[in-house]
Amino acid sequence: MLRKIKRLFVIKTRWEAFLIIYALALGATTRGAHYLVQFPGYGGKLLFLATTGAVFLGGAKILDCLKYEKAEREAAAAQD
């Protein structure tokens, strides 16, 4: 039973990764909009860029990990 629940929290396909990245981007832009209100001027703009930049970096890492895990699974299947 725990194995089934655990599988719900594993990103298995690129489609799932893109959905998660989209959700992260929505949250980051909302947080960035709050920063623009709280810190008018260059400070708010820099914080906005930092929040969206973090999503780009995190999204790239998620997609790279999917490629790595797929290659690892294929190599393990070839060994067996």
N, C-alpha and C. Protein backbone atom coordinates (compact mmCIF):
# COMPACT_ATOMS: atom_id res chain seq x y z
N MET A 1 0.82 -1.19 0.00
CA MET A 1 0.00 0.00 0.00
C MET A 1 0.86 1.25 0.00
N LEU A 2 1.93 1.25 0.82
CA LEU A 2 2.82 2.41 0.86
C LEU A 2 3.53 2.60 -0.47
N ARG A 3 3.82 1.51 -1.15
CA ARG A 3 4.48 1.60 -2.46
C ARG A 3 3.60 2.34 -3.46
N LYS A 4 2.29 2.06 -3.42
CA LYS A 4 1.36 2.75 -4.32
C LYS A 4 1.28 4.24 -4.01
N ILE A 5 1.28 4.58 -2.75
CA ILE A 5 1.24 5.98 -2.36
C ILE A 5 2.54 6.68 -2.75
N LYS A 6 3.65 5.99 -2.58
CA LYS A 6 4.95 6.56 -2.94
C LYS A 6 5.03 6.88 -4.43
N ARG A 7 4.45 6.03 -5.27
CA ARG A 7 4.48 6.25 -6.71
C ARG A 7 3.75 7.50 -7.14
N LEU A 8 2.81 7.98 -6.33
CA LEU A 8 2.09 9.21 -6.66
C LEU A 8 3.00 10.43 -6.65
N PHE A 9 4.09 10.35 -5.89
CA PHE A 9 4.98 11.50 -5.73
C PHE A 9 6.25 11.39 -6.57
N VAL A 10 6.25 10.49 -7.53
CA VAL A 10 7.40 10.32 -8.41
C VAL A 10 7.03 10.85 -9.79
N ILE A 11 7.89 11.70 -10.34
CA ILE A 11 7.68 12.23 -11.69
C ILE A 11 8.18 11.17 -12.67
N LYS A 12 7.28 10.66 -13.51
CA LYS A 12 7.64 9.57 -14.39
C LYS A 12 7.76 9.99 -15.85
N THR A 13 7.03 11.00 -16.27
CA THR A 13 7.03 11.39 -17.69
C THR A 13 7.33 12.88 -17.82
N ARG A 14 7.69 13.26 -19.04
CA ARG A 14 7.94 14.68 -19.32
C ARG A 14 6.67 15.51 -19.15
N TRP A 15 5.52 14.91 -19.48
CA TRP A 15 4.25 15.61 -19.33
C TRP A 15 4.02 16.00 -17.87
N GLU A 16 4.26 15.07 -16.95
CA GLU A 16 4.13 15.36 -15.53
C GLU A 16 5.12 16.43 -15.10
N ALA A 17 6.33 16.37 -15.64
CA ALA A 17 7.35 17.37 -15.31
C ALA A 17 6.91 18.75 -15.76
N PHE A 18 6.37 18.84 -16.97
CA PHE A 18 5.92 20.14 -17.47
C PHE A 18 4.76 20.69 -16.63
N LEU A 19 3.87 19.82 -16.17
CA LEU A 19 2.78 20.28 -15.31
C LEU A 19 3.30 20.83 -13.98
N ILE A 20 4.30 20.16 -13.43
CA ILE A 20 4.88 20.62 -12.17
C ILE A 20 5.63 21.93 -12.37
N ILE A 21 6.37 22.04 -13.46
CA ILE A 21 7.09 23.27 -13.76
C ILE A 21 6.11 24.43 -13.97
N TYR A 22 4.99 24.15 -14.64
CA TYR A 22 3.98 25.18 -14.84
C TYR A 22 3.42 25.66 -13.50
N ALA A 23 3.13 24.72 -12.61
CA ALA A 23 2.62 25.09 -11.29
C ALA A 23 3.64 25.92 -10.51
N LEU A 24 4.90 25.52 -10.60
CA LEU A 24 5.96 26.30 -9.94
C LEU A 24 6.05 27.70 -10.52
N ALA A 25 5.91 27.82 -11.84
CA ALA A 25 5.99 29.12 -12.49
C ALA A 25 4.83 30.02 -12.08
N LEU A 26 3.64 29.45 -11.94
CA LEU A 26 2.50 30.25 -11.49
C LEU A 26 2.73 30.80 -10.09
N GLY A 27 3.22 29.95 -9.22
CA GLY A 27 3.50 30.39 -7.86
C GLY A 27 4.60 31.43 -7.81
N ALA A 28 5.62 31.25 -8.64
CA ALA A 28 6.75 32.19 -8.65
C ALA A 28 6.33 33.55 -9.18
N THR A 29 5.51 33.58 -10.22
CA THR A 29 5.08 34.88 -10.75
C THR A 29 4.13 35.58 -9.78
N THR A 30 3.31 34.82 -9.07
CA THR A 30 2.46 35.43 -8.05
C THR A 30 3.30 36.03 -6.93
N ARG A 31 4.29 35.26 -6.48
CA ARG A 31 5.20 35.77 -5.44
C ARG A 31 5.96 36.99 -5.97
N GLY A 32 6.39 36.94 -7.23
CA GLY A 32 7.09 38.08 -7.83
C GLY A 32 6.21 39.31 -7.92
N ALA A 33 4.94 39.12 -8.21
CA ALA A 33 4.01 40.26 -8.26
C ALA A 33 3.88 40.89 -6.88
N HIS A 34 3.86 40.07 -5.84
CA HIS A 34 3.82 40.61 -4.48
C HIS A 34 5.09 41.38 -4.16
N TYR A 35 6.23 40.88 -4.64
CA TYR A 35 7.48 41.59 -4.44
C TYR A 35 7.47 42.96 -5.11
N LEU A 36 6.87 43.04 -6.29
CA LEU A 36 6.81 44.31 -7.00
C LEU A 36 5.99 45.34 -6.23
N VAL A 37 4.96 44.86 -5.52
CA VAL A 37 4.14 45.77 -4.72
C VAL A 37 4.87 46.16 -3.43
N GLN A 38 5.49 45.18 -2.79
CA GLN A 38 6.15 45.43 -1.51
C GLN A 38 7.42 46.25 -1.67
N PHE A 39 8.16 46.00 -2.74
CA PHE A 39 9.44 46.67 -2.96
C PHE A 39 9.43 47.35 -4.33
N PRO A 40 8.87 48.53 -4.42
CA PRO A 40 8.82 49.20 -5.73
C PRO A 40 10.23 49.57 -6.19
N GLY A 41 10.40 49.61 -7.49
CA GLY A 41 11.70 49.98 -8.05
C GLY A 41 12.53 48.76 -8.43
N TYR A 42 13.85 48.98 -8.44
CA TYR A 42 14.76 47.94 -8.89
C TYR A 42 14.78 46.73 -7.94
N GLY A 43 14.62 46.94 -6.66
CA GLY A 43 14.63 45.83 -5.71
C GLY A 43 13.53 44.82 -6.01
N GLY A 44 12.32 45.30 -6.23
CA GLY A 44 11.21 44.41 -6.54
C GLY A 44 11.40 43.70 -7.87
N LYS A 45 11.95 44.43 -8.85
CA LYS A 45 12.19 43.81 -10.16
C LYS A 45 13.25 42.73 -10.07
N LEU A 46 14.29 42.96 -9.28
CA LEU A 46 15.32 41.95 -9.11
C LEU A 46 14.78 40.72 -8.38
N LEU A 47 13.95 40.94 -7.38
CA LEU A 47 13.36 39.79 -6.69
C LEU A 47 12.41 39.02 -7.60
N PHE A 48 11.67 39.74 -8.44
CA PHE A 48 10.80 39.08 -9.42
C PHE A 48 11.61 38.21 -10.36
N LEU A 49 12.72 38.76 -10.86
CA LEU A 49 13.58 37.98 -11.74
C LEU A 49 14.19 36.77 -11.02
N ALA A 50 14.50 36.94 -9.74
CA ALA A 50 15.07 35.83 -8.98
C ALA A 50 14.06 34.69 -8.83
N THR A 51 12.80 35.04 -8.58
CA THR A 51 11.79 33.99 -8.41
C THR A 51 11.55 33.25 -9.72
N THR A 52 11.48 33.98 -10.83
CA THR A 52 11.26 33.30 -12.11
C THR A 52 12.51 32.56 -12.56
N GLY A 53 13.67 33.09 -12.26
CA GLY A 53 14.92 32.41 -12.61
C GLY A 53 15.07 31.09 -11.88
N ALA A 54 14.61 31.06 -10.64
CA ALA A 54 14.68 29.82 -9.87
C ALA A 54 13.82 28.73 -10.53
N VAL A 55 12.69 29.11 -11.11
CA VAL A 55 11.85 28.13 -11.79
C VAL A 55 12.56 27.60 -13.04
N PHE A 56 13.24 28.48 -13.77
CA PHE A 56 13.98 28.01 -14.95
C PHE A 56 15.06 27.00 -14.55
N LEU A 57 15.79 27.31 -13.50
CA LEU A 57 16.85 26.41 -13.05
C LEU A 57 16.27 25.08 -12.54
N GLY A 58 15.22 25.17 -11.74
CA GLY A 58 14.59 23.96 -11.21
C GLY A 58 13.96 23.12 -12.31
N GLY A 59 13.33 23.77 -13.27
CA GLY A 59 12.72 23.04 -14.38
C GLY A 59 13.75 22.32 -15.23
N ALA A 60 14.87 22.99 -15.48
CA ALA A 60 15.94 22.36 -16.24
C ALA A 60 16.48 21.14 -15.50
N LYS A 61 16.62 21.25 -14.20
CA LYS A 61 17.13 20.13 -13.40
C LYS A 61 16.15 18.96 -13.41
N ILE A 62 14.86 19.25 -13.31
CA ILE A 62 13.85 18.20 -13.35
C ILE A 62 13.91 17.45 -14.68
N LEU A 63 13.98 18.20 -15.79
CA LEU A 63 14.01 17.57 -17.10
C LEU A 63 15.31 16.78 -17.31
N ASP A 64 16.43 17.30 -16.83
CA ASP A 64 17.69 16.57 -16.94
C ASP A 64 17.64 15.28 -16.13
N CYS A 65 17.05 15.33 -14.96
CA CYS A 65 16.96 14.13 -14.13
C CYS A 65 16.09 13.06 -14.79
N LEU A 66 15.05 13.49 -15.48
CA LEU A 66 14.21 12.51 -16.19
C LEU A 66 15.01 11.81 -17.27
N LYS A 67 15.83 12.55 -18.01
CA LYS A 67 16.66 11.94 -19.04
C LYS A 67 17.66 10.97 -18.42
N TYR A 68 18.28 11.37 -17.33
CA TYR A 68 19.26 10.52 -16.65
C TYR A 68 18.61 9.25 -16.14
N GLU A 69 17.45 9.37 -15.51
CA GLU A 69 16.77 8.19 -14.98
C GLU A 69 16.33 7.25 -16.09
N LYS A 70 15.90 7.80 -17.22
CA LYS A 70 15.51 6.95 -18.35
C LYS A 70 16.72 6.19 -18.89
N ALA A 71 17.84 6.88 -19.04
CA ALA A 71 19.06 6.22 -19.52
C ALA A 71 19.52 5.15 -18.54
N GLU A 72 19.39 5.42 -17.26
CA GLU A 72 19.77 4.44 -16.24
C GLU A 72 18.89 3.21 -16.29
N ARG A 73 17.59 3.40 -16.46
CA ARG A 73 16.67 2.26 -16.57
C ARG A 73 16.98 1.42 -17.81
N GLU A 74 17.27 2.09 -18.93
CA GLU A 74 17.59 1.36 -20.16
C GLU A 74 18.90 0.58 -20.01
N ALA A 75 19.88 1.18 -19.33
CA ALA A 75 21.14 0.48 -19.13
C ALA A 75 20.95 -0.73 -18.21
N ALA A 76 20.12 -0.59 -17.19
CA ALA A 76 19.85 -1.71 -16.29
C ALA A 76 19.09 -2.81 -17.03
N ALA A 77 18.18 -2.43 -17.91
CA ALA A 77 17.42 -3.44 -18.68
C ALA A 77 18.34 -4.16 -19.66
N ALA A 78 19.30 -3.45 -20.22
CA ALA A 78 20.24 -4.07 -21.15
C ALA A 78 21.17 -5.03 -20.44
N GLN A 79 21.49 -4.75 -19.19
CA GLN A 79 22.37 -5.62 -18.41
C GLN A 79 21.69 -6.93 -18.06
N ASP A 80 20.40 -6.87 -17.81
CA ASP A 80 19.65 -8.08 -17.39
C ASP A 80 19.41 -8.98 -18.52
